[in-house]
C-alpha cells in the first residue's frame, strides 16, 4: 500500500470513482442507481462510511458503504486492476467496518456475482461466510435501471 491514502468518500469524488468503475472488467454499472445524483444521495444517507483509496491524486479504489440501522452493506468494492493484491482492498474494508461499528452496526452483508471468482476468493479469504441458508430475491421497481457490465 505504498503511497496510498484512504479517506471518506465525498460527493467531489464521484467523477474519479466512476472513471475507475468503468475500467474494472466484469464490473456492473446501473444506468440509474450509479448516476451522480443517486451516488450523492447514497453518500448523504451514509455520511463518512464510504471510502476511496488515492494514489498520485487518482482514485484507485472504492467501497460504497451504508446501513439500514441493523445491517451494513458494501457496494462497488474495487481496486484498480494493476494495483490489486497489495492490501488496498483489505484496508478499505477495515476502514468501512470500523465506520459501521462506530454507528453501532454489528453485522455486514455483501453480494458478489457468482462469476466474480477474484472477489469471491477475496471475501472468503477474509473470513466472510458464504450463506446457503436463504435465498435472495430481487424485484425490479424501475425498468430504466439497467446493469451494463464492463468488458
N, C-alpha and C. Protein backbone atom coordinates (compact mmCIF):
# COMPACT_ATOMS: atom_id res chain seq x y z
N UNK A 1 0.82 -1.19 0.00
CA UNK A 1 0.00 0.00 0.00
C UNK A 1 0.86 1.25 0.00
N UNK A 2 1.96 1.16 -0.63
CA UNK A 2 2.90 2.27 -0.66
C UNK A 2 2.28 3.50 -1.35
N UNK A 3 2.38 4.63 -0.68
CA UNK A 3 1.88 5.91 -1.20
C UNK A 3 0.38 5.92 -1.49
N UNK A 4 -0.39 5.10 -0.76
CA UNK A 4 -1.84 5.07 -0.91
C UNK A 4 -2.45 5.67 0.34
N UNK A 5 -3.40 6.58 0.14
CA UNK A 5 -4.11 7.23 1.23
C UNK A 5 -5.56 6.80 1.19
N UNK A 6 -6.13 6.51 2.35
CA UNK A 6 -7.55 6.22 2.45
C UNK A 6 -8.24 7.39 3.13
N UNK A 7 -9.45 7.71 2.65
CA UNK A 7 -10.25 8.73 3.31
C UNK A 7 -11.71 8.51 2.96
N UNK A 8 -12.58 9.12 3.75
CA UNK A 8 -14.01 9.01 3.49
C UNK A 8 -14.32 9.60 2.11
N UNK A 9 -15.17 8.92 1.39
CA UNK A 9 -15.60 9.39 0.07
C UNK A 9 -16.52 10.60 0.22
N UNK A 10 -16.35 11.57 -0.67
CA UNK A 10 -17.21 12.75 -0.71
C UNK A 10 -17.87 12.83 -2.07
N UNK A 11 -18.82 13.73 -2.18
CA UNK A 11 -19.50 13.93 -3.46
C UNK A 11 -18.53 14.36 -4.55
N UNK A 12 -17.48 15.08 -4.17
CA UNK A 12 -16.49 15.53 -5.16
C UNK A 12 -15.72 14.37 -5.78
N UNK A 13 -15.79 13.18 -5.20
CA UNK A 13 -15.07 12.02 -5.70
C UNK A 13 -15.82 11.27 -6.79
N UNK A 14 -17.05 11.67 -7.08
CA UNK A 14 -17.88 10.89 -8.00
C UNK A 14 -17.20 10.67 -9.35
N UNK A 15 -16.74 11.72 -9.98
CA UNK A 15 -16.19 11.57 -11.34
C UNK A 15 -14.98 10.63 -11.36
N UNK A 16 -14.09 10.77 -10.38
CA UNK A 16 -12.93 9.89 -10.31
C UNK A 16 -13.31 8.45 -10.00
N UNK A 17 -14.30 8.27 -9.13
CA UNK A 17 -14.76 6.92 -8.80
C UNK A 17 -15.41 6.27 -10.02
N UNK A 18 -16.26 7.01 -10.71
CA UNK A 18 -16.94 6.46 -11.88
C UNK A 18 -15.92 6.10 -12.97
N UNK A 19 -14.93 6.94 -13.12
CA UNK A 19 -13.86 6.65 -14.09
C UNK A 19 -13.19 5.32 -13.76
N UNK A 20 -12.92 5.08 -12.47
CA UNK A 20 -12.34 3.80 -12.05
C UNK A 20 -13.31 2.66 -12.34
N UNK A 21 -14.57 2.82 -11.94
CA UNK A 21 -15.55 1.75 -12.13
C UNK A 21 -15.64 1.33 -13.59
N UNK A 22 -15.50 2.28 -14.50
CA UNK A 22 -15.59 1.95 -15.93
C UNK A 22 -14.41 1.11 -16.41
N UNK A 23 -13.31 1.07 -15.67
CA UNK A 23 -12.13 0.32 -16.10
C UNK A 23 -12.10 -1.11 -15.56
N UNK A 24 -12.97 -1.43 -14.63
CA UNK A 24 -12.92 -2.74 -13.97
C UNK A 24 -13.66 -3.77 -14.82
N UNK A 25 -12.92 -4.78 -15.31
CA UNK A 25 -13.51 -5.82 -16.15
C UNK A 25 -14.57 -6.60 -15.38
N UNK A 26 -15.74 -6.77 -15.99
CA UNK A 26 -16.83 -7.51 -15.39
C UNK A 26 -17.66 -6.72 -14.39
N UNK A 27 -17.28 -5.48 -14.13
CA UNK A 27 -17.99 -4.64 -13.16
C UNK A 27 -19.32 -4.19 -13.77
N UNK A 28 -20.37 -4.21 -12.97
CA UNK A 28 -21.69 -3.81 -13.45
C UNK A 28 -22.06 -2.42 -12.97
N UNK A 29 -22.43 -1.55 -13.90
CA UNK A 29 -22.87 -0.20 -13.58
C UNK A 29 -24.35 -0.08 -13.92
N UNK A 30 -25.11 0.46 -12.96
CA UNK A 30 -26.55 0.63 -13.15
C UNK A 30 -26.84 2.00 -13.76
N UNK A 31 -27.72 2.02 -14.76
CA UNK A 31 -27.99 3.24 -15.50
C UNK A 31 -28.61 4.33 -14.63
N UNK A 32 -29.37 3.99 -13.62
CA UNK A 32 -30.00 4.98 -12.75
C UNK A 32 -29.24 5.08 -11.42
N UNK A 33 -29.08 3.96 -10.74
CA UNK A 33 -28.51 3.98 -9.39
C UNK A 33 -27.06 4.44 -9.32
N UNK A 34 -26.33 4.36 -10.40
CA UNK A 34 -24.94 4.82 -10.40
C UNK A 34 -24.78 6.21 -11.00
N UNK A 35 -25.89 6.90 -11.20
CA UNK A 35 -25.82 8.29 -11.67
C UNK A 35 -25.24 9.16 -10.56
N UNK A 36 -24.76 10.32 -10.93
CA UNK A 36 -24.16 11.23 -9.95
C UNK A 36 -25.16 11.58 -8.84
N UNK A 37 -26.40 11.86 -9.20
CA UNK A 37 -27.41 12.21 -8.21
C UNK A 37 -27.63 11.08 -7.22
N UNK A 38 -27.76 9.86 -7.72
CA UNK A 38 -28.06 8.72 -6.83
C UNK A 38 -26.88 8.38 -5.93
N UNK A 39 -25.66 8.51 -6.43
CA UNK A 39 -24.50 8.28 -5.58
C UNK A 39 -24.40 9.38 -4.54
N UNK A 40 -24.67 10.62 -4.91
CA UNK A 40 -24.70 11.73 -3.95
C UNK A 40 -25.75 11.47 -2.87
N UNK A 41 -26.93 11.01 -3.27
CA UNK A 41 -27.99 10.68 -2.30
C UNK A 41 -27.51 9.60 -1.34
N UNK A 42 -26.85 8.58 -1.86
CA UNK A 42 -26.33 7.48 -1.03
C UNK A 42 -25.33 8.03 -0.01
N UNK A 43 -24.41 8.88 -0.46
CA UNK A 43 -23.42 9.45 0.45
C UNK A 43 -24.07 10.33 1.50
N UNK A 44 -25.12 11.06 1.13
CA UNK A 44 -25.85 11.88 2.10
C UNK A 44 -26.51 11.02 3.18
N UNK A 45 -27.04 9.87 2.79
CA UNK A 45 -27.71 8.98 3.75
C UNK A 45 -26.73 8.23 4.62
N UNK A 46 -25.49 8.14 4.17
CA UNK A 46 -24.48 7.34 4.87
C UNK A 46 -23.18 8.14 5.03
N UNK A 47 -23.23 9.29 5.67
CA UNK A 47 -22.04 10.17 5.72
C UNK A 47 -20.86 9.52 6.44
N UNK A 48 -19.70 9.62 5.79
CA UNK A 48 -18.45 9.15 6.38
C UNK A 48 -18.23 7.66 6.35
N UNK A 49 -19.12 6.89 5.74
CA UNK A 49 -18.99 5.43 5.75
C UNK A 49 -18.27 4.88 4.53
N UNK A 50 -18.41 5.52 3.39
CA UNK A 50 -17.77 5.04 2.16
C UNK A 50 -16.33 5.52 2.13
N UNK A 51 -15.50 4.83 1.34
CA UNK A 51 -14.07 5.12 1.32
C UNK A 51 -13.54 5.18 -0.10
N UNK A 52 -12.52 5.99 -0.29
CA UNK A 52 -11.74 5.98 -1.52
C UNK A 52 -10.27 5.77 -1.15
N UNK A 53 -9.57 5.08 -2.02
CA UNK A 53 -8.12 4.95 -1.92
C UNK A 53 -7.53 5.84 -3.01
N UNK A 54 -6.54 6.65 -2.61
CA UNK A 54 -5.93 7.63 -3.52
C UNK A 54 -4.44 7.33 -3.65
N UNK A 55 -3.99 7.37 -4.89
CA UNK A 55 -2.55 7.27 -5.17
C UNK A 55 -2.24 8.24 -6.29
N UNK A 56 -1.24 9.07 -6.09
CA UNK A 56 -0.85 10.06 -7.10
C UNK A 56 -2.05 10.90 -7.57
N UNK A 57 -2.85 11.34 -6.60
CA UNK A 57 -4.03 12.18 -6.85
C UNK A 57 -5.09 11.52 -7.72
N UNK A 58 -5.09 10.18 -7.79
CA UNK A 58 -6.08 9.43 -8.58
C UNK A 58 -6.80 8.46 -7.66
N UNK A 59 -8.10 8.34 -7.84
CA UNK A 59 -8.86 7.33 -7.09
C UNK A 59 -8.55 5.97 -7.69
N UNK A 60 -7.98 5.10 -6.84
CA UNK A 60 -7.58 3.77 -7.31
C UNK A 60 -8.36 2.67 -6.60
N UNK A 61 -9.28 3.05 -5.70
CA UNK A 61 -10.10 2.07 -5.01
C UNK A 61 -11.32 2.73 -4.40
N UNK A 62 -12.41 1.96 -4.30
CA UNK A 62 -13.63 2.48 -3.69
C UNK A 62 -14.38 1.38 -2.96
N UNK A 63 -15.11 1.78 -1.95
CA UNK A 63 -16.20 0.98 -1.39
C UNK A 63 -17.32 1.95 -1.04
N UNK A 64 -18.49 1.71 -1.59
CA UNK A 64 -19.68 2.41 -1.12
C UNK A 64 -20.20 1.60 0.06
N UNK A 65 -20.36 2.26 1.18
CA UNK A 65 -20.74 1.57 2.41
C UNK A 65 -21.94 2.28 3.03
N UNK A 66 -22.92 1.50 3.43
CA UNK A 66 -24.09 2.08 4.06
C UNK A 66 -24.73 1.07 4.99
N UNK A 67 -25.80 1.51 5.66
CA UNK A 67 -26.54 0.59 6.53
C UNK A 67 -28.00 1.02 6.62
N UNK A 68 -28.81 0.08 7.09
CA UNK A 68 -30.24 0.34 7.26
C UNK A 68 -30.62 0.48 8.73
N UNK A 69 -29.63 0.65 9.59
CA UNK A 69 -29.87 0.72 11.03
C UNK A 69 -29.61 -0.59 11.73
N UNK A 70 -29.56 -1.67 10.98
CA UNK A 70 -29.30 -3.01 11.54
C UNK A 70 -28.12 -3.69 10.87
N UNK A 71 -28.08 -3.60 9.55
CA UNK A 71 -27.10 -4.35 8.76
C UNK A 71 -26.35 -3.41 7.85
N UNK A 72 -25.02 -3.56 7.83
CA UNK A 72 -24.19 -2.81 6.91
C UNK A 72 -24.09 -3.52 5.57
N UNK A 73 -23.83 -2.74 4.52
CA UNK A 73 -23.68 -3.29 3.18
C UNK A 73 -22.54 -2.60 2.46
N UNK A 74 -21.84 -3.36 1.64
CA UNK A 74 -20.79 -2.85 0.76
C UNK A 74 -21.27 -2.94 -0.68
N UNK A 75 -20.96 -1.93 -1.45
CA UNK A 75 -21.23 -1.89 -2.88
C UNK A 75 -19.99 -1.31 -3.58
N UNK A 76 -19.83 -1.62 -4.81
CA UNK A 76 -18.78 -1.04 -5.65
C UNK A 76 -17.40 -1.14 -4.98
N UNK A 77 -17.12 -2.35 -4.51
CA UNK A 77 -15.81 -2.63 -3.94
C UNK A 77 -14.87 -2.92 -5.10
N UNK A 78 -13.90 -2.05 -5.30
CA UNK A 78 -12.96 -2.31 -6.39
C UNK A 78 -11.64 -1.59 -6.16
N UNK A 79 -10.62 -2.18 -6.72
CA UNK A 79 -9.27 -1.62 -6.72
C UNK A 79 -8.77 -1.67 -8.16
N UNK A 80 -8.12 -0.61 -8.58
CA UNK A 80 -7.53 -0.56 -9.92
C UNK A 80 -6.79 -1.89 -10.17
N UNK A 81 -7.06 -2.49 -11.31
CA UNK A 81 -6.62 -3.86 -11.54
C UNK A 81 -5.13 -4.09 -11.36
N UNK A 82 -4.30 -3.17 -11.81
CA UNK A 82 -2.85 -3.38 -11.70
C UNK A 82 -2.30 -3.12 -10.29
N UNK A 83 -3.16 -2.66 -9.38
CA UNK A 83 -2.72 -2.38 -8.01
C UNK A 83 -3.31 -3.35 -7.00
N UNK A 84 -3.91 -4.42 -7.46
CA UNK A 84 -4.51 -5.40 -6.57
C UNK A 84 -3.44 -6.24 -5.87
N UNK A 85 -3.87 -6.90 -4.81
CA UNK A 85 -3.02 -7.81 -4.02
C UNK A 85 -1.91 -7.06 -3.29
N UNK A 86 -2.21 -5.81 -2.90
CA UNK A 86 -1.27 -5.01 -2.13
C UNK A 86 -1.86 -4.60 -0.78
N UNK A 87 -3.02 -5.14 -0.44
CA UNK A 87 -3.66 -4.82 0.83
C UNK A 87 -4.60 -3.63 0.78
N UNK A 88 -4.83 -3.07 -0.40
CA UNK A 88 -5.69 -1.89 -0.52
C UNK A 88 -7.14 -2.26 -0.23
N UNK A 89 -7.62 -3.34 -0.82
CA UNK A 89 -9.00 -3.78 -0.59
C UNK A 89 -9.25 -4.10 0.87
N UNK A 90 -8.32 -4.78 1.49
CA UNK A 90 -8.47 -5.12 2.91
C UNK A 90 -8.49 -3.86 3.76
N UNK A 91 -7.59 -2.92 3.49
CA UNK A 91 -7.54 -1.68 4.27
C UNK A 91 -8.83 -0.88 4.10
N UNK A 92 -9.37 -0.84 2.88
CA UNK A 92 -10.63 -0.13 2.67
C UNK A 92 -11.76 -0.83 3.43
N UNK A 93 -11.77 -2.16 3.42
CA UNK A 93 -12.80 -2.91 4.14
C UNK A 93 -12.75 -2.61 5.63
N UNK A 94 -11.56 -2.60 6.19
CA UNK A 94 -11.40 -2.31 7.62
C UNK A 94 -11.86 -0.89 7.93
N UNK A 95 -11.53 0.06 7.06
CA UNK A 95 -11.98 1.45 7.21
C UNK A 95 -13.51 1.48 7.34
N UNK A 96 -14.18 0.81 6.41
CA UNK A 96 -15.65 0.81 6.40
C UNK A 96 -16.23 0.04 7.57
N UNK A 97 -15.64 -1.09 7.92
CA UNK A 97 -16.14 -1.87 9.05
C UNK A 97 -16.03 -1.07 10.35
N UNK A 98 -14.93 -0.35 10.53
CA UNK A 98 -14.79 0.49 11.72
C UNK A 98 -15.82 1.62 11.73
N UNK A 99 -16.08 2.20 10.56
CA UNK A 99 -17.09 3.26 10.48
C UNK A 99 -18.47 2.70 10.84
N UNK A 100 -18.77 1.48 10.37
CA UNK A 100 -20.05 0.85 10.72
C UNK A 100 -20.13 0.56 12.22
N UNK A 101 -19.05 0.05 12.78
CA UNK A 101 -19.05 -0.24 14.22
C UNK A 101 -19.27 1.04 15.03
N UNK A 102 -18.68 2.14 14.57
CA UNK A 102 -18.88 3.43 15.25
C UNK A 102 -20.35 3.86 15.21
N UNK A 103 -21.10 3.38 14.24
CA UNK A 103 -22.52 3.68 14.11
C UNK A 103 -23.38 2.67 14.87
N UNK A 104 -22.74 1.70 15.52
CA UNK A 104 -23.49 0.68 16.27
C UNK A 104 -23.98 -0.47 15.42
N UNK A 105 -23.43 -0.62 14.23
CA UNK A 105 -23.82 -1.72 13.34
C UNK A 105 -22.92 -2.92 13.63
N UNK A 106 -23.53 -4.07 13.83
CA UNK A 106 -22.80 -5.27 14.24
C UNK A 106 -22.77 -6.37 13.20
N UNK A 107 -23.32 -6.13 12.03
CA UNK A 107 -23.46 -7.17 11.02
C UNK A 107 -23.26 -6.55 9.65
N UNK A 108 -22.53 -7.23 8.80
CA UNK A 108 -22.23 -6.75 7.46
C UNK A 108 -22.57 -7.83 6.44
N UNK A 109 -23.25 -7.44 5.39
CA UNK A 109 -23.56 -8.37 4.30
C UNK A 109 -23.11 -7.74 2.99
N UNK A 110 -22.70 -8.57 2.08
CA UNK A 110 -22.35 -8.08 0.75
C UNK A 110 -22.70 -9.14 -0.27
N UNK A 111 -22.87 -8.70 -1.49
CA UNK A 111 -23.20 -9.60 -2.59
C UNK A 111 -22.10 -9.54 -3.63
N UNK A 112 -21.80 -10.69 -4.21
CA UNK A 112 -20.91 -10.74 -5.35
C UNK A 112 -21.57 -11.62 -6.42
N UNK A 113 -21.26 -11.33 -7.65
CA UNK A 113 -21.74 -12.19 -8.71
C UNK A 113 -21.00 -13.53 -8.62
N UNK A 114 -21.70 -14.61 -8.90
CA UNK A 114 -21.09 -15.94 -8.82
C UNK A 114 -19.87 -16.04 -9.73
N UNK A 115 -19.90 -15.35 -10.87
CA UNK A 115 -18.78 -15.45 -11.81
C UNK A 115 -17.59 -14.57 -11.42
N UNK A 116 -17.72 -13.80 -10.34
CA UNK A 116 -16.64 -12.94 -9.86
C UNK A 116 -15.69 -13.77 -8.99
N UNK A 117 -14.88 -14.60 -9.63
CA UNK A 117 -14.02 -15.52 -8.88
C UNK A 117 -13.00 -14.79 -8.01
N UNK A 118 -12.46 -13.70 -8.51
CA UNK A 118 -11.48 -12.94 -7.73
C UNK A 118 -12.12 -12.37 -6.47
N UNK A 119 -13.27 -11.74 -6.63
CA UNK A 119 -13.97 -11.17 -5.48
C UNK A 119 -14.40 -12.23 -4.48
N UNK A 120 -14.96 -13.32 -4.97
CA UNK A 120 -15.40 -14.39 -4.08
C UNK A 120 -14.22 -14.99 -3.32
N UNK A 121 -13.10 -15.14 -3.99
CA UNK A 121 -11.90 -15.66 -3.33
C UNK A 121 -11.41 -14.68 -2.25
N UNK A 122 -11.43 -13.38 -2.57
CA UNK A 122 -11.01 -12.37 -1.60
C UNK A 122 -11.86 -12.42 -0.34
N UNK A 123 -13.20 -12.38 -0.52
CA UNK A 123 -14.09 -12.31 0.64
C UNK A 123 -14.00 -13.57 1.48
N UNK A 124 -13.96 -14.74 0.86
CA UNK A 124 -13.87 -15.97 1.67
C UNK A 124 -12.52 -16.03 2.37
N UNK A 125 -11.46 -15.53 1.72
CA UNK A 125 -10.14 -15.49 2.35
C UNK A 125 -10.06 -14.54 3.52
N UNK A 126 -10.96 -13.55 3.56
CA UNK A 126 -11.00 -12.59 4.65
C UNK A 126 -11.91 -13.04 5.79
N UNK A 127 -12.47 -14.24 5.67
CA UNK A 127 -13.30 -14.78 6.74
C UNK A 127 -14.79 -14.56 6.58
N UNK A 128 -15.21 -13.99 5.46
CA UNK A 128 -16.64 -13.83 5.21
C UNK A 128 -17.22 -15.20 4.88
N UNK A 129 -18.41 -15.47 5.36
CA UNK A 129 -19.05 -16.77 5.17
C UNK A 129 -20.08 -16.70 4.05
N UNK A 130 -19.99 -17.65 3.14
CA UNK A 130 -20.97 -17.77 2.07
C UNK A 130 -22.23 -18.37 2.68
N UNK A 131 -23.34 -17.66 2.56
CA UNK A 131 -24.61 -18.13 3.13
C UNK A 131 -25.27 -19.09 2.15
N UNK A 132 -25.77 -20.18 2.68
CA UNK A 132 -26.55 -21.09 1.84
C UNK A 132 -27.88 -21.43 2.52
N UNK A 133 -28.23 -20.64 3.55
CA UNK A 133 -29.44 -20.93 4.30
C UNK A 133 -30.62 -20.03 3.93
N UNK A 134 -30.44 -19.17 2.94
CA UNK A 134 -31.56 -18.36 2.50
C UNK A 134 -31.39 -17.99 1.03
N UNK A 135 -32.48 -17.61 0.42
CA UNK A 135 -32.47 -17.16 -0.96
C UNK A 135 -32.59 -15.65 -0.98
N UNK A 136 -31.94 -15.04 -1.93
CA UNK A 136 -32.06 -13.61 -2.11
C UNK A 136 -32.87 -13.37 -3.38
N UNK A 137 -33.89 -12.54 -3.25
CA UNK A 137 -34.74 -12.22 -4.38
C UNK A 137 -34.64 -10.73 -4.68
N UNK A 138 -34.71 -10.40 -5.94
CA UNK A 138 -34.77 -9.01 -6.39
C UNK A 138 -36.11 -8.80 -7.09
N UNK A 139 -36.63 -7.61 -6.94
CA UNK A 139 -37.83 -7.22 -7.69
C UNK A 139 -37.53 -5.86 -8.29
N UNK A 140 -37.58 -5.78 -9.59
CA UNK A 140 -37.24 -4.56 -10.32
C UNK A 140 -38.37 -3.55 -10.22
N UNK A 141 -38.10 -2.43 -9.57
CA UNK A 141 -39.08 -1.36 -9.43
C UNK A 141 -38.95 -0.30 -10.51
N UNK A 142 -37.82 -0.27 -11.20
CA UNK A 142 -37.59 0.73 -12.23
C UNK A 142 -36.90 0.05 -13.41
N UNK A 143 -37.65 -0.20 -14.46
CA UNK A 143 -37.10 -0.90 -15.62
C UNK A 143 -36.05 -0.10 -16.37
N UNK A 144 -35.91 1.18 -16.03
CA UNK A 144 -34.87 2.02 -16.63
C UNK A 144 -33.50 1.76 -16.01
N UNK A 145 -33.47 1.11 -14.85
CA UNK A 145 -32.23 0.89 -14.10
C UNK A 145 -31.55 -0.40 -14.59
N UNK A 146 -30.91 -0.32 -15.71
CA UNK A 146 -30.31 -1.45 -16.39
C UNK A 146 -28.84 -1.58 -16.03
N UNK A 147 -28.39 -2.81 -15.76
CA UNK A 147 -26.98 -3.04 -15.47
C UNK A 147 -26.22 -3.20 -16.78
N UNK A 148 -25.13 -2.47 -16.90
CA UNK A 148 -24.20 -2.60 -18.02
C UNK A 148 -22.91 -3.14 -17.47
N UNK A 149 -22.47 -4.30 -17.96
CA UNK A 149 -21.23 -4.90 -17.49
C UNK A 149 -20.07 -4.43 -18.37
N UNK A 150 -18.98 -4.04 -17.72
CA UNK A 150 -17.76 -3.66 -18.45
C UNK A 150 -17.15 -4.90 -19.07
N UNK A 151 -16.65 -4.77 -20.26
CA UNK A 151 -16.00 -5.92 -20.92
C UNK A 151 -14.54 -5.97 -20.56
